Amino acid sequence: MGGNPACDELMRTARKERKTTPSPRAAGRAWDLVPRGGLELLQAPVLTRLAWLVHGFSTRQGGVSELGGRRVLNLGFTTWDVRERVLANRRRFFGAIGAGKMHVQALRQIHSDLAHHIDTAQARAGVAPKGDALFTRDRGVLLAVQTADCIPILLADTQRRAVAAIHSGWRGTLGRVGAKTLGRMQMEFGTRPEDVVAALGPGIGRCCYEVGPDVAREFHAQFPEAHQWFDGPFDAVASSENDPNWLPWLTMQPPGHRPPSPRVNLDLVAANRAILTAAGIPGHQIFVSGFCTACRNDILFSYRREGSTGRLMSAIGLR
């Protein structure tokens, strides 16, 4: 565990839910940390049992990049790292998940609700479109998203053999990027939500993800059930009743001397689970890793906790 009691309790609850929630065969097991090719990968059993796809969630273990005096598997082109090392890390990661010969399709992520249908020709072209979700039915195409606190979501249509990779931060969650990607799969492939399994990988937990009144108000305006996803004075914050700066001229205090606005903690995992369920994916077919990136930065990257850090990658594709 990472030493944060709230996060430890969150992970214990996630494990308990995996044991008690009805699920497809083999999907109820805890997620597997798999040593492979000198790396340590995180895999969801519900996806591992589908022999026609490859998938994996990276950790920071292994790799050739150097951060804080340690070797790490940074998979993003960050300002502190060297491009050649990132490319070497990516080759290691793709090889470790069995996708070394696949055409990799990435994104220029912009915290949006944009989803792109990718075919083999597009993946071969190597152009990364702007957006935050990718989906395909083409074999040999590997879809990849990067995170360092946001929630990575992998979807698999078990009947039509289609897959999607989604990056969902608070803005993407607010825009229902997961549901919109599923909707695009319905239109393009005839995907039925009841045939889809979803894996929500490591992201910042409700134990560590503190947000301000603006975010709370946005969620309050979009989701009637939003109060279930927050800890703290959500109702007061969302309605501005508890904000000491709602009319700053009343306080007559100079800039820099106003009291801080109250904060609340947001559960991005719970929000995305609810959005996918509302879109038609049965709740027992949605699986959560239980790892908080901020608490477990011994094996994961967390921008919130570290500032200058690396990027994790979540990937899925058809063999």
C-alpha atoms as a PDB file:
ATOM      1  CA  MET A   1       0.000   0.000   0.000  1.00  0.00           C
ATOM      2  CA  GLY A   2       1.058   3.604  -0.483  1.00  0.00           C
ATOM      3  CA  GLY A   3       0.738   4.875   3.092  1.00  0.00           C
ATOM      4  CA  ASN A   4      -2.493   6.857   2.561  1.00  0.00           C
ATOM      5  CA  PRO A   5      -5.241   5.318   4.781  1.00  0.00           C
ATOM      6  CA  ALA A   6      -8.031   6.637   2.543  1.00  0.00           C
ATOM      7  CA  CYS A   7      -6.449   5.122  -0.554  1.00  0.00           C
ATOM      8  CA  ASP A   8      -5.725   1.847   1.257  1.00  0.00           C
ATOM      9  CA  GLU A   9      -9.399   1.605   2.190  1.00  0.00           C
ATOM     10  CA  LEU A  10     -10.405   2.420  -1.417  1.00  0.00           C
ATOM     11  CA  MET A  11      -8.236  -0.422  -2.717  1.00  0.00           C
ATOM     12  CA  ARG A  12      -9.617  -2.863  -0.108  1.00  0.00           C
ATOM     13  CA  THR A  13     -13.160  -1.901  -1.173  1.00  0.00           C
ATOM     14  CA  ALA A  14     -12.288  -2.378  -4.853  1.00  0.00           C
ATOM     15  CA  ARG A  15     -10.944  -5.855  -4.132  1.00  0.00           C
ATOM     16  CA  LYS A  16     -14.040  -6.719  -2.104  1.00  0.00           C
ATOM     17  CA  GLU A  17     -16.296  -5.550  -4.947  1.00  0.00           C
ATOM     18  CA  ARG A  18     -14.384  -7.717  -7.406  1.00  0.00           C
ATOM     19  CA  LYS A  19     -15.045 -10.734  -5.164  1.00  0.00           C
ATOM     20  CA  THR A  20     -18.749 -10.091  -4.569  1.00  0.00           C
ATOM     21  CA  THR A  21     -19.990  -8.593  -7.848  1.00  0.00           C
ATOM     22  CA  PRO A  22     -21.329 -11.076 -10.434  1.00  0.00           C
ATOM     23  CA  SER A  23     -18.979 -11.175 -13.419  1.00  0.00           C
ATOM     24  CA  PRO A  24     -18.031 -13.202 -16.491  1.00  0.00           C
ATOM     25  CA  ARG A  25     -15.754 -16.200 -16.052  1.00  0.00           C
ATOM     26  CA  ALA A  26     -12.289 -15.220 -14.742  1.00  0.00           C
ATOM     27  CA  ALA A  27     -13.174 -11.528 -14.731  1.00  0.00           C
ATOM     28  CA  GLY A  28     -13.634 -11.282 -10.981  1.00  0.00           C
ATOM     29  CA  ARG A  29      -9.975 -11.898 -10.146  1.00  0.00           C
ATOM     30  CA  ALA A  30      -7.801  -9.064  -8.959  1.00  0.00           C
ATOM     31  CA  TRP A  31      -5.912  -7.356 -11.747  1.00  0.00           C
ATOM     32  CA  ASP A  32      -2.568  -8.920 -12.500  1.00  0.00           C
ATOM     33  CA  LEU A  33       0.817  -7.205 -12.200  1.00  0.00           C
ATOM     34  CA  VAL A  34       2.745  -9.218 -14.751  1.00  0.00           C
ATOM     35  CA  PRO A  35       6.562  -9.188 -15.049  1.00  0.00           C
ATOM     36  CA  ARG A  36       7.407  -9.425 -18.725  1.00  0.00           C
ATOM     37  CA  GLY A  37      10.371  -8.404 -20.847  1.00  0.00           C
ATOM     38  CA  GLY A  38      12.019  -6.650 -17.907  1.00  0.00           C
ATOM     39  CA  LEU A  39       8.884  -4.557 -17.330  1.00  0.00           C
ATOM     40  CA  GLU A  40       5.909  -4.841 -14.991  1.00  0.00           C
ATOM     41  CA  LEU A  41       2.532  -4.617 -16.708  1.00  0.00           C
ATOM     42  CA  LEU A  42      -0.956  -4.310 -15.289  1.00  0.00           C
ATOM     43  CA  GLN A  43      -3.598  -6.423 -17.022  1.00  0.00           C
ATOM     44  CA  ALA A  44      -7.345  -6.837 -16.565  1.00  0.00           C
ATOM     45  CA  PRO A  45      -8.415 -10.516 -16.419  1.00  0.00           C
ATOM     46  CA  VAL A  46     -11.650  -9.711 -18.283  1.00  0.00           C
ATOM     47  CA  LEU A  47      -9.535  -8.667 -21.286  1.00  0.00           C
ATOM     48  CA  THR A  48      -6.793 -11.255 -20.840  1.00  0.00           C
ATOM     49  CA  ARG A  49      -9.304 -14.067 -21.361  1.00  0.00           C
ATOM     50  CA  LEU A  50     -10.190 -12.715 -24.831  1.00  0.00           C
ATOM     51  CA  ALA A  51      -7.606 -14.517 -26.951  1.00  0.00           C
ATOM     52  CA  TRP A  52      -8.286 -12.356 -30.009  1.00  0.00           C
ATOM     53  CA  LEU A  53      -6.981  -9.133 -28.486  1.00  0.00           C
ATOM     54  CA  VAL A  54      -3.858  -7.759 -26.824  1.00  0.00           C
ATOM     55  CA  HIS A  55      -3.874  -5.170 -24.085  1.00  0.00           C
ATOM     56  CA  GLY A  56      -1.833  -3.735 -21.261  1.00  0.00           C
ATOM     57  CA  PHE A  57      -1.507  -0.853 -18.813  1.00  0.00           C
ATOM     58  CA  SER A  58       2.077   0.258 -18.246  1.00  0.00           C
ATOM     59  CA  THR A  59       3.723   1.012 -14.907  1.00  0.00           C
ATOM     60  CA  ARG A  60       6.845   3.070 -14.257  1.00  0.00           C
ATOM     61  CA  GLN A  61       8.962  -0.025 -13.650  1.00  0.00           C
ATOM     62  CA  GLY A  62      11.833  -0.733 -16.034  1.00  0.00           C
ATOM     63  CA  GLY A  63      12.639   1.367 -19.064  1.00  0.00           C
ATOM     64  CA  VAL A  64      15.675   3.419 -20.009  1.00  0.00           C
ATOM     65  CA  SER A  65      14.548   6.933 -19.026  1.00  0.00           C
ATOM     66  CA  GLU A  66      16.007   8.544 -15.901  1.00  0.00           C
ATOM     67  CA  LEU A  67      13.859  10.408 -13.379  1.00  0.00           C
ATOM     68  CA  GLY A  68      14.884  11.207  -9.826  1.00  0.00           C
ATOM     69  CA  GLY A  69      17.973   9.066 -10.154  1.00  0.00           C
ATOM     70  CA  ARG A  70      15.999   5.975 -11.137  1.00  0.00           C
ATOM     71  CA  ARG A  71      15.314   4.173 -14.395  1.00  0.00           C
ATOM     72  CA  VAL A  72      11.672   4.501 -15.402  1.00  0.00           C
ATOM     73  CA  LEU A  73       9.404   3.481 -18.268  1.00  0.00           C
ATOM     74  CA  ASN A  74       8.289   6.909 -19.451  1.00  0.00           C
ATOM     75  CA  LEU A  75       6.088   6.516 -22.548  1.00  0.00           C
ATOM     76  CA  GLY A  76       5.356  10.196 -23.195  1.00  0.00           C
ATOM     77  CA  PHE A  77       7.395  12.834 -25.017  1.00  0.00           C
ATOM     78  CA  THR A  78       7.904  15.033 -21.954  1.00  0.00           C
ATOM     79  CA  THR A  79      10.213  18.041 -21.746  1.00  0.00           C
ATOM     80  CA  TRP A  80      12.611  16.356 -19.318  1.00  0.00           C
ATOM     81  CA  ASP A  81      13.132  13.176 -21.311  1.00  0.00           C
ATOM     82  CA  VAL A  82      15.025  12.328 -24.500  1.00  0.00           C
ATOM     83  CA  ARG A  83      12.987  11.286 -27.541  1.00  0.00           C
ATOM     84  CA  GLU A  84      15.206   8.308 -28.330  1.00  0.00           C
ATOM     85  CA  ARG A  85      14.711   6.927 -24.820  1.00  0.00           C
ATOM     86  CA  VAL A  86      10.942   7.308 -25.045  1.00  0.00           C
ATOM     87  CA  LEU A  87      10.924   5.462 -28.363  1.00  0.00           C
ATOM     88  CA  ALA A  88      13.031   2.698 -26.829  1.00  0.00           C
ATOM     89  CA  ASN A  89      10.610   2.483 -23.899  1.00  0.00           C
ATOM     90  CA  ARG A  90       7.674   2.230 -26.285  1.00  0.00           C
ATOM     91  CA  ARG A  91       9.307  -0.594 -28.205  1.00  0.00           C
ATOM     92  CA  ARG A  92       9.805  -2.439 -24.922  1.00  0.00           C
ATOM     93  CA  PHE A  93       6.204  -1.884 -23.859  1.00  0.00           C
ATOM     94  CA  PHE A  94       4.665  -2.879 -27.192  1.00  0.00           C
ATOM     95  CA  GLY A  95       6.865  -5.962 -27.306  1.00  0.00           C
ATOM     96  CA  ALA A  96       5.962  -6.929 -23.738  1.00  0.00           C
ATOM     97  CA  ILE A  97       2.213  -6.906 -24.450  1.00  0.00           C
ATOM     98  CA  GLY A  98       2.705  -8.882 -27.669  1.00  0.00           C
ATOM     99  CA  ALA A  99       2.052  -5.984 -30.037  1.00  0.00           C
ATOM    100  CA  GLY A 100       5.540  -5.455 -31.440  1.00  0.00           C
ATOM    101  CA  LYS A 101       4.421  -5.890 -35.064  1.00  0.00           C
ATOM    102  CA  MET A 102       1.160  -3.953 -34.812  1.00  0.00           C
ATOM    103  CA  HIS A 103       0.505  -0.465 -36.200  1.00  0.00           C
ATOM    104  CA  VAL A 104       0.304   1.877 -33.215  1.00  0.00           C
ATOM    105  CA  GLN A 105      -2.276   4.662 -33.251  1.00  0.00           C
ATOM    106  CA  ALA A 106      -1.944   7.444 -30.675  1.00  0.00           C
ATOM    107  CA  LEU A 107      -3.644  10.807 -30.090  1.00  0.00           C
ATOM    108  CA  ARG A 108      -2.876  14.437 -29.472  1.00  0.00           C
ATOM    109  CA  GLN A 109      -4.953  14.468 -26.312  1.00  0.00           C
ATOM    110  CA  ILE A 110      -6.876  17.676 -25.611  1.00  0.00           C
ATOM    111  CA  HIS A 111      -9.261  16.732 -22.749  1.00  0.00           C
ATOM    112  CA  SER A 112     -12.254  16.540 -25.079  1.00  0.00           C
ATOM    113  CA  ASP A 113     -15.113  14.197 -25.988  1.00  0.00           C
ATOM    114  CA  LEU A 114     -13.795  13.550 -29.515  1.00  0.00           C
ATOM    115  CA  ALA A 115     -13.552   9.912 -30.619  1.00  0.00           C
ATOM    116  CA  HIS A 116     -11.924   8.716 -33.865  1.00  0.00           C
ATOM    117  CA  HIS A 117     -12.639   5.603 -35.925  1.00  0.00           C
ATOM    118  CA  ILE A 118      -9.244   4.233 -36.953  1.00  0.00           C
ATOM    119  CA  ASP A 119      -8.608   1.807 -39.800  1.00  0.00           C
ATOM    120  CA  THR A 120      -5.402   0.112 -40.909  1.00  0.00           C
ATOM    121  CA  ALA A 121      -4.548   2.769 -43.500  1.00  0.00           C
ATOM    122  CA  GLN A 122      -4.827   5.556 -40.939  1.00  0.00           C
ATOM    123  CA  ALA A 123      -2.718   3.671 -38.422  1.00  0.00           C
ATOM    124  CA  ARG A 124      -0.037   3.030 -41.053  1.00  0.00           C
ATOM    125  CA  ALA A 125       0.049   6.742 -41.901  1.00  0.00           C
ATOM    126  CA  GLY A 126       1.209   7.472 -38.362  1.00  0.00           C
ATOM    127  CA  VAL A 127      -0.762  10.709 -37.931  1.00  0.00           C
ATOM    128  CA  ALA A 128      -2.074  11.362 -34.408  1.00  0.00           C
ATOM    129  CA  PRO A 129      -5.454  13.144 -34.561  1.00  0.00           C
ATOM    130  CA  LYS A 130      -6.646  15.560 -31.903  1.00  0.00           C
ATOM    131  CA  GLY A 131      -9.072  13.954 -29.489  1.00  0.00           C
ATOM    132  CA  ASP A 132      -9.319  11.631 -26.524  1.00  0.00           C
ATOM    133  CA  ALA A 133     -10.695   8.326 -27.775  1.00  0.00           C
ATOM    134  CA  LEU A 134      -9.971   5.808 -30.521  1.00  0.00           C
ATOM    135  CA  PHE A 135     -11.935   2.783 -31.722  1.00  0.00           C
ATOM    136  CA  THR A 136     -11.404   0.132 -34.407  1.00  0.00           C
ATOM    137  CA  ARG A 137     -12.370  -3.290 -35.759  1.00  0.00           C
ATOM    138  CA  ASP A 138      -9.244  -3.694 -37.856  1.00  0.00           C
ATOM    139  CA  ARG A 139      -6.778  -6.402 -36.919  1.00  0.00           C
ATOM    140  CA  GLY A 140      -3.178  -5.374 -36.409  1.00  0.00           C
ATOM    141  CA  VAL A 141      -4.039  -1.880 -35.098  1.00  0.00           C
ATOM    142  CA  LEU A 142      -3.019  -0.998 -31.546  1.00  0.00           C
ATOM    143  CA  LEU A 143      -4.882   1.912 -29.933  1.00  0.00           C
ATOM    144  CA  ALA A 144      -3.000   3.790 -27.206  1.00  0.00           C
ATOM    145  CA  VAL A 145      -3.764   6.610 -24.764  1.00  0.00           C
ATOM    146  CA  GLN A 146      -1.458   8.280 -22.232  1.00  0.00           C
ATOM    147  CA  THR A 147      -2.230   9.244 -18.639  1.00  0.00           C
ATOM    148  CA  ALA A 148      -0.574  10.460 -15.462  1.00  0.00           C
ATOM    149  CA  ASP A 149      -3.703  10.759 -13.246  1.00  0.00           C
ATOM    150  CA  CYS A 150      -6.629  10.761 -15.704  1.00  0.00           C
ATOM    151  CA  ILE A 151      -8.628   7.559 -16.147  1.00  0.00           C
ATOM    152  CA  PRO A 152      -7.720   5.231 -19.027  1.00  0.00           C
ATOM    153  CA  ILE A 153     -10.665   3.176 -20.273  1.00  0.00           C
ATOM    154  CA  LEU A 154     -10.404   0.156 -22.569  1.00  0.00           C
ATOM    155  CA  LEU A 155     -13.577  -1.221 -24.174  1.00  0.00           C
ATOM    156  CA  ALA A 156     -14.024  -4.528 -25.976  1.00  0.00           C
ATOM    157  CA  ASP A 157     -17.111  -5.620 -27.917  1.00  0.00           C
ATOM    158  CA  THR A 158     -16.984  -9.362 -27.315  1.00  0.00           C
ATOM    159  CA  GLN A 159     -19.365 -10.219 -30.188  1.00  0.00           C
ATOM    160  CA  ARG A 160     -18.297  -7.932 -33.049  1.00  0.00           C
ATOM    161  CA  ARG A 161     -14.674  -7.884 -31.956  1.00  0.00           C
ATOM    162  CA  ALA A 162     -14.219  -4.148 -31.786  1.00  0.00           C
ATOM    163  CA  VAL A 163     -12.121  -2.235 -29.270  1.00  0.00           C
ATOM    164  CA  ALA A 164     -11.642   1.300 -27.974  1.00  0.00           C
ATOM    165  CA  ALA A 165      -9.097   3.216 -25.900  1.00  0.00           C
ATOM    166  CA  ILE A 166     -10.260   6.315 -24.025  1.00  0.00           C
ATOM    167  CA  HIS A 167      -8.541   9.067 -22.035  1.00  0.00           C
ATOM    168  CA  SER A 168     -10.947  10.567 -19.490  1.00  0.00           C
ATOM    169  CA  GLY A 169      -9.894  13.440 -17.237  1.00  0.00           C
ATOM    170  CA  TRP A 170     -12.456  15.593 -15.494  1.00  0.00           C
ATOM    171  CA  ARG A 171     -13.294  17.482 -18.680  1.00  0.00           C
ATOM    172  CA  GLY A 172     -13.667  14.308 -20.703  1.00  0.00           C
ATOM    173  CA  THR A 173     -15.757  12.776 -17.947  1.00  0.00           C
ATOM    174  CA  LEU A 174     -17.944  15.873 -17.890  1.00  0.00           C
ATOM    175  CA  GLY A 175     -18.365  15.488 -21.652  1.00  0.00           C
ATOM    176  CA  ARG A 176     -19.231  11.768 -21.290  1.00  0.00           C
ATOM    177  CA  VAL A 177     -16.399  10.746 -23.596  1.00  0.00           C
ATOM    178  CA  GLY A 178     -16.847   7.067 -22.654  1.00  0.00           C
ATOM    179  CA  ALA A 179     -20.539   7.036 -23.570  1.00  0.00           C
ATOM    180  CA  LYS A 180     -19.923   8.976 -26.784  1.00  0.00           C
ATOM    181  CA  THR A 181     -17.227   6.532 -27.861  1.00  0.00           C
ATOM    182  CA  LEU A 182     -19.600   3.646 -27.216  1.00  0.00           C
ATOM    183  CA  GLY A 183     -22.254   5.493 -29.242  1.00  0.00           C
ATOM    184  CA  ARG A 184     -19.856   5.822 -32.171  1.00  0.00           C
ATOM    185  CA  MET A 185     -19.134   2.086 -31.978  1.00  0.00           C
ATOM    186  CA  GLN A 186     -22.878   1.428 -32.073  1.00  0.00           C
ATOM    187  CA  MET A 187     -23.244   3.565 -35.213  1.00  0.00           C
ATOM    188  CA  GLU A 188     -20.135   2.302 -37.018  1.00  0.00           C
ATOM    189  CA  PHE A 189     -20.085  -1.376 -36.029  1.00  0.00           C
ATOM    190  CA  GLY A 190     -23.526  -2.198 -34.639  1.00  0.00           C
ATOM    191  CA  THR A 191     -22.042  -2.682 -31.171  1.00  0.00           C
ATOM    192  CA  ARG A 192     -24.566  -3.538 -28.479  1.00  0.00           C
ATOM    193  CA  PRO A 193     -23.659  -2.158 -25.031  1.00  0.00           C
ATOM    194  CA  GLU A 194     -24.656  -5.422 -23.366  1.00  0.00           C
ATOM    195  CA  ASP A 195     -21.855  -7.158 -25.323  1.00  0.00           C
ATOM    196  CA  VAL A 196     -19.162  -4.746 -24.134  1.00  0.00           C
ATOM    197  CA  VAL A 197     -16.708  -5.202 -21.273  1.00  0.00           C
ATOM    198  CA  ALA A 198     -14.874  -2.185 -19.867  1.00  0.00           C
ATOM    199  CA  ALA A 199     -11.608  -1.942 -17.951  1.00  0.00           C
ATOM    200  CA  LEU A 200     -10.830   1.277 -16.051  1.00  0.00           C
ATOM    201  CA  GLY A 201      -7.107   1.417 -15.423  1.00  0.00           C
ATOM    202  CA  PRO A 202      -5.015   3.267 -12.840  1.00  0.00           C
ATOM    203  CA  GLY A 203      -5.924   6.899 -12.228  1.00  0.00           C
ATOM    204  CA  ILE A 204      -6.051   9.344  -9.373  1.00  0.00           C
ATOM    205  CA  GLY A 205      -8.467   8.185  -6.680  1.00  0.00           C
ATOM    206  CA  ARG A 206     -11.159  10.013  -4.816  1.00  0.00           C
ATOM    207  CA  CYS A 207      -8.790   9.875  -1.830  1.00  0.00           C
ATOM    208  CA  CYS A 208      -6.371  12.279  -3.555  1.00  0.00           C
ATOM    209  CA  TYR A 209      -8.222  14.195  -6.285  1.00  0.00           C
ATOM    210  CA  GLU A 210      -9.092  17.554  -4.770  1.00  0.00           C
ATOM    211  CA  VAL A 211     -10.953  20.001  -7.014  1.00  0.00           C
ATOM    212  CA  GLY A 212     -12.410  23.463  -6.618  1.00  0.00           C
ATOM    213  CA  PRO A 213     -15.913  24.950  -6.769  1.00  0.00           C
ATOM    214  CA  ASP A 214     -15.846  25.464 -10.549  1.00  0.00           C
ATOM    215  CA  VAL A 215     -15.460  21.738 -11.207  1.00  0.00           C
ATOM    216  CA  ALA A 216     -18.104  20.850  -8.622  1.00  0.00           C
ATOM    217  CA  ARG A 217     -20.570  23.287 -10.181  1.00  0.00           C
ATOM    218  CA  GLU A 218     -19.917  21.888 -13.674  1.00  0.00           C
ATOM    219  CA  PHE A 219     -20.701  18.353 -12.525  1.00  0.00           C
ATOM    220  CA  HIS A 220     -23.708  19.516 -10.529  1.00  0.00           C
ATOM    221  CA  ALA A 221     -25.123  21.122 -13.681  1.00  0.00           C
ATOM    222  CA  GLN A 222     -24.588  18.016 -15.854  1.00  0.00           C
ATOM    223  CA  PHE A 223     -25.351  15.059 -13.582  1.00  0.00           C
ATOM    224  CA  PRO A 224     -28.267  14.744 -11.120  1.00  0.00           C
ATOM    225  CA  GLU A 225     -26.319  12.058  -9.236  1.00  0.00           C
ATOM    226  CA  ALA A 226     -23.038  14.000  -9.098  1.00  0.00           C
ATOM    227  CA  HIS A 227     -23.169  14.385  -5.302  1.00  0.00           C
ATOM    228  CA  GLN A 228     -22.440  10.637  -5.047  1.00  0.00           C
ATOM    229  CA  TRP A 229     -19.021  11.157  -6.649  1.00  0.00           C
ATOM    230  CA  PHE A 230     -17.731  13.819  -4.266  1.00  0.00           C
ATOM    231  CA  ASP A 231     -16.448  13.946  -0.706  1.00  0.00           C
ATOM    232  CA  GLY A 232     -16.680  17.209   1.214  1.00  0.00           C
ATOM    233  CA  PRO A 233     -19.284  20.008   1.222  1.00  0.00           C
ATOM    234  CA  PHE A 234     -20.429  19.298  -2.339  1.00  0.00           C
ATOM    235  CA  ASP A 235     -23.966  20.726  -2.083  1.00  0.00           C
ATOM    236  CA  ALA A 236     -22.775  23.977  -0.544  1.00  0.00           C
ATOM    237  CA  VAL A 237     -19.862  24.305  -2.958  1.00  0.00           C
ATOM    238  CA  ALA A 238     -21.938  23.477  -6.034  1.00  0.00           C
ATOM    239  CA  SER A 239     -24.549  26.067  -5.100  1.00  0.00           C
ATOM    240  CA  SER A 240     -21.945  28.701  -4.051  1.00  0.00           C
ATOM    241  CA  GLU A 241     -23.458  28.843  -0.553  1.00  0.00           C
ATOM    242  CA  ASN A 242     -20.149  28.104   1.135  1.00  0.00           C
ATOM    243  CA  ASP A 243     -17.803  30.141  -1.069  1.00  0.00           C
ATOM    244  CA  PRO A 244     -16.343  33.074   0.901  1.00  0.00           C
ATOM    245  CA  ASN A 245     -15.456  34.848  -2.341  1.00  0.00           C
ATOM    246  CA  TRP A 246     -18.770  34.722  -4.165  1.00  0.00           C
ATOM    247  CA  LEU A 247     -19.027  38.512  -3.923  1.00  0.00           C
ATOM    248  CA  PRO A 248     -15.458  39.669  -3.306  1.00  0.00           C
ATOM    249  CA  TRP A 249     -16.433  43.341  -3.005  1.00  0.00           C
ATOM    250  CA  LEU A 250     -18.371  42.498   0.182  1.00  0.00           C
ATOM    251  CA  THR A 251     -15.251  41.306   1.989  1.00  0.00           C
ATOM    252  CA  MET A 252     -13.355  44.514   1.228  1.00  0.00           C
ATOM    253  CA  GLN A 253     -10.121  42.547   1.386  1.00  0.00           C
ATOM    254  CA  PRO A 254      -7.164  43.298  -0.867  1.00  0.00           C
ATOM    255  CA  PRO A 255      -6.026  40.722  -3.436  1.00  0.00           C
ATOM    256  CA  GLY A 256      -4.097  37.887  -1.849  1.00  0.00           C
ATOM    257  CA  HIS A 257      -5.872  38.196   1.506  1.00  0.00           C
ATOM    258  CA  ARG A 258      -9.180  36.542   0.665  1.00  0.00           C
ATOM    259  CA  PRO A 259      -9.943  33.205   2.326  1.00  0.00           C
ATOM    260  CA  PRO A 260      -9.484  30.153   0.075  1.00  0.00           C
ATOM    261  CA  SER A 261     -12.533  28.650  -1.546  1.00  0.00           C
ATOM    262  CA  PRO A 262     -13.652  25.327  -0.071  1.00  0.00           C
ATOM    263  CA  ARG A 263     -12.477  22.168  -1.838  1.00  0.00           C
ATOM    264  CA  VAL A 264     -14.042  18.781  -2.499  1.00  0.00           C
ATOM    265  CA  ASN A 265     -12.691  15.431  -3.672  1.00  0.00           C
ATOM    266  CA  LEU A 266     -13.909  13.944  -6.956  1.00  0.00           C
ATOM    267  CA  ASP A 267     -14.152  10.228  -7.774  1.00  0.00           C
ATOM    268  CA  LEU A 268     -13.451  10.037 -11.518  1.00  0.00           C
ATOM    269  CA  VAL A 269     -13.696   6.245 -11.491  1.00  0.00           C
ATOM    270  CA  ALA A 270     -17.186   6.247  -9.986  1.00  0.00           C
ATOM    271  CA  ALA A 271     -18.297   8.955 -12.408  1.00  0.00           C
ATOM    272  CA  ASN A 272     -17.045   7.059 -15.457  1.00  0.00           C
ATOM    273  CA  ARG A 273     -18.525   3.803 -14.195  1.00  0.00           C
ATOM    274  CA  ALA A 274     -21.913   5.512 -13.824  1.00  0.00           C
ATOM    275  CA  ILE A 275     -21.650   7.073 -17.297  1.00  0.00           C
ATOM    276  CA  LEU A 276     -20.843   3.722 -18.924  1.00  0.00           C
ATOM    277  CA  THR A 277     -23.642   2.010 -17.016  1.00  0.00           C
ATOM    278  CA  ALA A 278     -26.118   4.690 -18.106  1.00  0.00           C
ATOM    279  CA  ALA A 279     -24.946   4.096 -21.693  1.00  0.00           C
ATOM    280  CA  GLY A 280     -26.010   0.458 -21.400  1.00  0.00           C
ATOM    281  CA  ILE A 281     -22.933  -1.524 -20.323  1.00  0.00           C
ATOM    282  CA  PRO A 282     -24.044  -3.832 -17.481  1.00  0.00           C
ATOM    283  CA  GLY A 283     -22.429  -2.882 -14.199  1.00  0.00           C
ATOM    284  CA  HIS A 284     -20.990  -6.366 -13.682  1.00  0.00           C
ATOM    285  CA  GLN A 285     -19.068  -5.960 -16.965  1.00  0.00           C
ATOM    286  CA  ILE A 286     -17.181  -2.855 -15.814  1.00  0.00           C
ATOM    287  CA  PHE A 287     -13.919  -3.547 -13.983  1.00  0.00           C
ATOM    288  CA  VAL A 288     -11.705  -1.163 -12.009  1.00  0.00           C
ATOM    289  CA  SER A 289      -8.009  -1.612 -11.227  1.00  0.00           C
ATOM    290  CA  GLY A 290      -8.219  -0.155  -7.701  1.00  0.00           C
ATOM    291  CA  PHE A 291      -4.839   1.618  -8.087  1.00  0.00           C
ATOM    292  CA  CYS A 292      -4.577   5.326  -7.261  1.00  0.00           C
ATOM    293  CA  THR A 293      -1.736   6.946  -9.204  1.00  0.00           C
ATOM    294  CA  ALA A 294      -1.094   9.564  -6.500  1.00  0.00           C
ATOM    295  CA  CYS A 295      -0.873   7.001  -3.698  1.00  0.00           C
ATOM    296  CA  ARG A 296       1.024   4.395  -5.689  1.00  0.00           C
ATOM    297  CA  ASN A 297       3.631   6.578  -7.324  1.00  0.00           C
ATOM    298  CA  ASP A 298       6.131   3.906  -6.381  1.00  0.00           C
ATOM    299  CA  ILE A 299       4.892   2.000  -9.444  1.00  0.00           C
ATOM    300  CA  LEU A 300       2.806   4.618 -11.306  1.00  0.00           C
ATOM    301  CA  PHE A 301       3.222   8.208 -12.524  1.00  0.00           C
ATOM    302  CA  SER A 302       1.165  11.010 -10.946  1.00  0.00           C
ATOM    303  CA  TYR A 303       1.256  14.572 -12.258  1.00  0.00           C
ATOM    304  CA  ARG A 304      -0.724  15.803  -9.247  1.00  0.00           C
ATOM    305  CA  ARG A 305       1.763  14.365  -6.784  1.00  0.00           C
ATOM    306  CA  GLU A 306       5.028  14.827  -8.664  1.00  0.00           C
ATOM    307  CA  GLY A 307       4.594  17.725 -11.088  1.00  0.00           C
ATOM    308  CA  SER A 308       7.380  16.836 -13.506  1.00  0.00           C
ATOM    309  CA  THR A 309       6.793  13.159 -14.192  1.00  0.00           C
ATOM    310  CA  GLY A 310       6.426  10.528 -16.880  1.00  0.00           C
ATOM    311  CA  ARG A 311       3.414   9.186 -18.731  1.00  0.00           C
ATOM    312  CA  LEU A 312       1.705   5.818 -18.496  1.00  0.00           C
ATOM    313  CA  MET A 313       0.230   4.156 -21.553  1.00  0.00           C
ATOM    314  CA  SER A 314      -2.877   1.998 -21.904  1.00  0.00           C
ATOM    315  CA  ALA A 315      -3.218   0.040 -25.127  1.00  0.00           C
ATOM    316  CA  ILE A 316      -5.602  -2.389 -26.788  1.00  0.00           C
ATOM    317  CA  GLY A 317      -5.819  -3.982 -30.216  1.00  0.00           C
ATOM    318  CA  LEU A 318      -7.017  -6.959 -32.253  1.00  0.00           C
ATOM    319  CA  ARG A 319      -4.464  -9.640 -33.105  1.00  0.00           C
END
